[in-house]
Amino acid sequence: MKNKLKEYRNKKKMTQKQLAKDCNVTSRSIISIEKGDFNPCLLLAYKISRVLDISMEELFCLEENSLDEIKKGEGTLK
């Protein structure tokens, strides 16, 4: 799953630490999400989108090959 977290966070002129505090998570969590190493749970994705005042759809999107895997029922999503 790709995300535009860093882009939208920078538009709001927020640091990773500020966003983490507002979402009640560690800054390491935000860093991991931005790098694509971690996909947040639905609740955290919702919190982030609310803090950044954007929709979850704007913030997160599935990669095309991931959609194909879901349709086929193969593999796991990273």
C-alpha atoms as a PDB file:
ATOM      1  CA  MET A   1       0.000   0.000   0.000  1.00  0.00           C
ATOM      2  CA  LYS A   2       1.360   3.387  -0.940  1.00  0.00           C
ATOM      3  CA  ASN A   3       0.746   6.482   1.100  1.00  0.00           C
ATOM      4  CA  LYS A   4       1.153  10.218   0.819  1.00  0.00           C
ATOM      5  CA  LEU A   5       1.626  10.774   4.525  1.00  0.00           C
ATOM      6  CA  LYS A   6       4.864  12.721   4.272  1.00  0.00           C
ATOM      7  CA  GLU A   7       3.473  14.932   1.500  1.00  0.00           C
ATOM      8  CA  TYR A   8       0.323  15.864   3.425  1.00  0.00           C
ATOM      9  CA  ARG A   9       2.183  16.201   6.732  1.00  0.00           C
ATOM     10  CA  ASN A  10       4.594  18.648   5.106  1.00  0.00           C
ATOM     11  CA  LYS A  11       1.691  20.611   3.591  1.00  0.00           C
ATOM     12  CA  LYS A  12       0.367  21.076   7.135  1.00  0.00           C
ATOM     13  CA  LYS A  13       3.872  22.067   8.266  1.00  0.00           C
ATOM     14  CA  MET A  14       3.833  19.339  10.923  1.00  0.00           C
ATOM     15  CA  THR A  15       6.785  17.377  12.188  1.00  0.00           C
ATOM     16  CA  GLN A  16       6.644  13.619  12.561  1.00  0.00           C
ATOM     17  CA  LYS A  17       6.764  14.144  16.305  1.00  0.00           C
ATOM     18  CA  GLN A  18       3.783  16.540  16.249  1.00  0.00           C
ATOM     19  CA  LEU A  19       1.691  14.194  14.123  1.00  0.00           C
ATOM     20  CA  ALA A  20       2.587  11.244  16.333  1.00  0.00           C
ATOM     21  CA  LYS A  21       1.554  13.157  19.450  1.00  0.00           C
ATOM     22  CA  ASP A  22      -1.758  14.211  17.896  1.00  0.00           C
ATOM     23  CA  CYS A  23      -2.451  10.588  16.896  1.00  0.00           C
ATOM     24  CA  ASN A  24      -1.267   9.159  20.229  1.00  0.00           C
ATOM     25  CA  VAL A  25       1.472   7.001  18.685  1.00  0.00           C
ATOM     26  CA  THR A  26       5.261   7.104  18.639  1.00  0.00           C
ATOM     27  CA  SER A  27       7.166   9.108  16.065  1.00  0.00           C
ATOM     28  CA  ARG A  28       8.756   5.791  15.047  1.00  0.00           C
ATOM     29  CA  SER A  29       5.298   4.623  13.943  1.00  0.00           C
ATOM     30  CA  ILE A  30       4.873   7.682  11.725  1.00  0.00           C
ATOM     31  CA  ILE A  31       8.362   7.210  10.271  1.00  0.00           C
ATOM     32  CA  SER A  32       7.623   3.552   9.508  1.00  0.00           C
ATOM     33  CA  ILE A  33       4.340   4.413   7.805  1.00  0.00           C
ATOM     34  CA  GLU A  34       5.991   7.121   5.707  1.00  0.00           C
ATOM     35  CA  LYS A  35       8.714   4.713   4.609  1.00  0.00           C
ATOM     36  CA  GLY A  36       6.157   2.058   3.715  1.00  0.00           C
ATOM     37  CA  ASP A  37       7.548  -0.370   6.293  1.00  0.00           C
ATOM     38  CA  PHE A  38       4.289  -0.460   8.251  1.00  0.00           C
ATOM     39  CA  ASN A  39       0.636  -0.295   7.250  1.00  0.00           C
ATOM     40  CA  PRO A  40      -1.475   1.306   9.973  1.00  0.00           C
ATOM     41  CA  CYS A  41      -4.620  -0.281  11.321  1.00  0.00           C
ATOM     42  CA  LEU A  42      -7.900   1.270  10.256  1.00  0.00           C
ATOM     43  CA  LEU A  43      -8.237   3.264  13.478  1.00  0.00           C
ATOM     44  CA  LEU A  44      -4.785   4.817  13.151  1.00  0.00           C
ATOM     45  CA  ALA A  45      -5.345   5.569   9.460  1.00  0.00           C
ATOM     46  CA  TYR A  46      -8.564   7.320  10.468  1.00  0.00           C
ATOM     47  CA  LYS A  47      -6.823   9.338  13.209  1.00  0.00           C
ATOM     48  CA  ILE A  48      -4.069  10.431  10.825  1.00  0.00           C
ATOM     49  CA  SER A  49      -6.549  11.473   8.157  1.00  0.00           C
ATOM     50  CA  ARG A  50      -8.560  13.466  10.703  1.00  0.00           C
ATOM     51  CA  VAL A  51      -5.474  15.260  12.038  1.00  0.00           C
ATOM     52  CA  LEU A  52      -4.345  16.094   8.488  1.00  0.00           C
ATOM     53  CA  ASP A  53      -7.925  17.014   7.466  1.00  0.00           C
ATOM     54  CA  ILE A  54      -8.000  14.707   4.432  1.00  0.00           C
ATOM     55  CA  SER A  55      -9.804  11.509   3.550  1.00  0.00           C
ATOM     56  CA  MET A  56      -8.220   8.117   4.074  1.00  0.00           C
ATOM     57  CA  GLU A  57      -8.579   7.532   0.328  1.00  0.00           C
ATOM     58  CA  GLU A  58      -6.429  10.585  -0.373  1.00  0.00           C
ATOM     59  CA  LEU A  59      -3.821   9.440   2.125  1.00  0.00           C
ATOM     60  CA  PHE A  60      -3.560   5.732   1.319  1.00  0.00           C
ATOM     61  CA  CYS A  61      -3.896   3.801  -1.921  1.00  0.00           C
ATOM     62  CA  LEU A  62      -3.259   0.220  -2.917  1.00  0.00           C
ATOM     63  CA  GLU A  63      -0.614  -0.488  -5.517  1.00  0.00           C
ATOM     64  CA  GLU A  64      -1.973  -1.998  -8.728  1.00  0.00           C
ATOM     65  CA  ASN A  65      -0.230  -5.349  -8.229  1.00  0.00           C
ATOM     66  CA  SER A  66      -1.681  -5.541  -4.706  1.00  0.00           C
ATOM     67  CA  LEU A  67      -5.179  -5.167  -6.137  1.00  0.00           C
ATOM     68  CA  ASP A  68      -4.498  -8.028  -8.542  1.00  0.00           C
ATOM     69  CA  GLU A  69      -3.287 -10.215  -5.656  1.00  0.00           C
ATOM     70  CA  ILE A  70      -6.413  -9.428  -3.653  1.00  0.00           C
ATOM     71  CA  LYS A  71      -8.630 -10.343  -6.589  1.00  0.00           C
ATOM     72  CA  LYS A  72      -6.778 -13.634  -7.047  1.00  0.00           C
ATOM     73  CA  GLY A  73      -6.671 -14.302  -3.306  1.00  0.00           C
ATOM     74  CA  GLU A  74      -2.904 -14.708  -3.455  1.00  0.00           C
ATOM     75  CA  GLY A  75      -0.095 -13.503  -1.254  1.00  0.00           C
ATOM     76  CA  THR A  76      -0.180 -11.067   1.573  1.00  0.00           C
ATOM     77  CA  LEU A  77      -0.205  -7.314   1.486  1.00  0.00           C
ATOM     78  CA  LYS A  78       2.927  -5.599   2.640  1.00  0.00           C
END
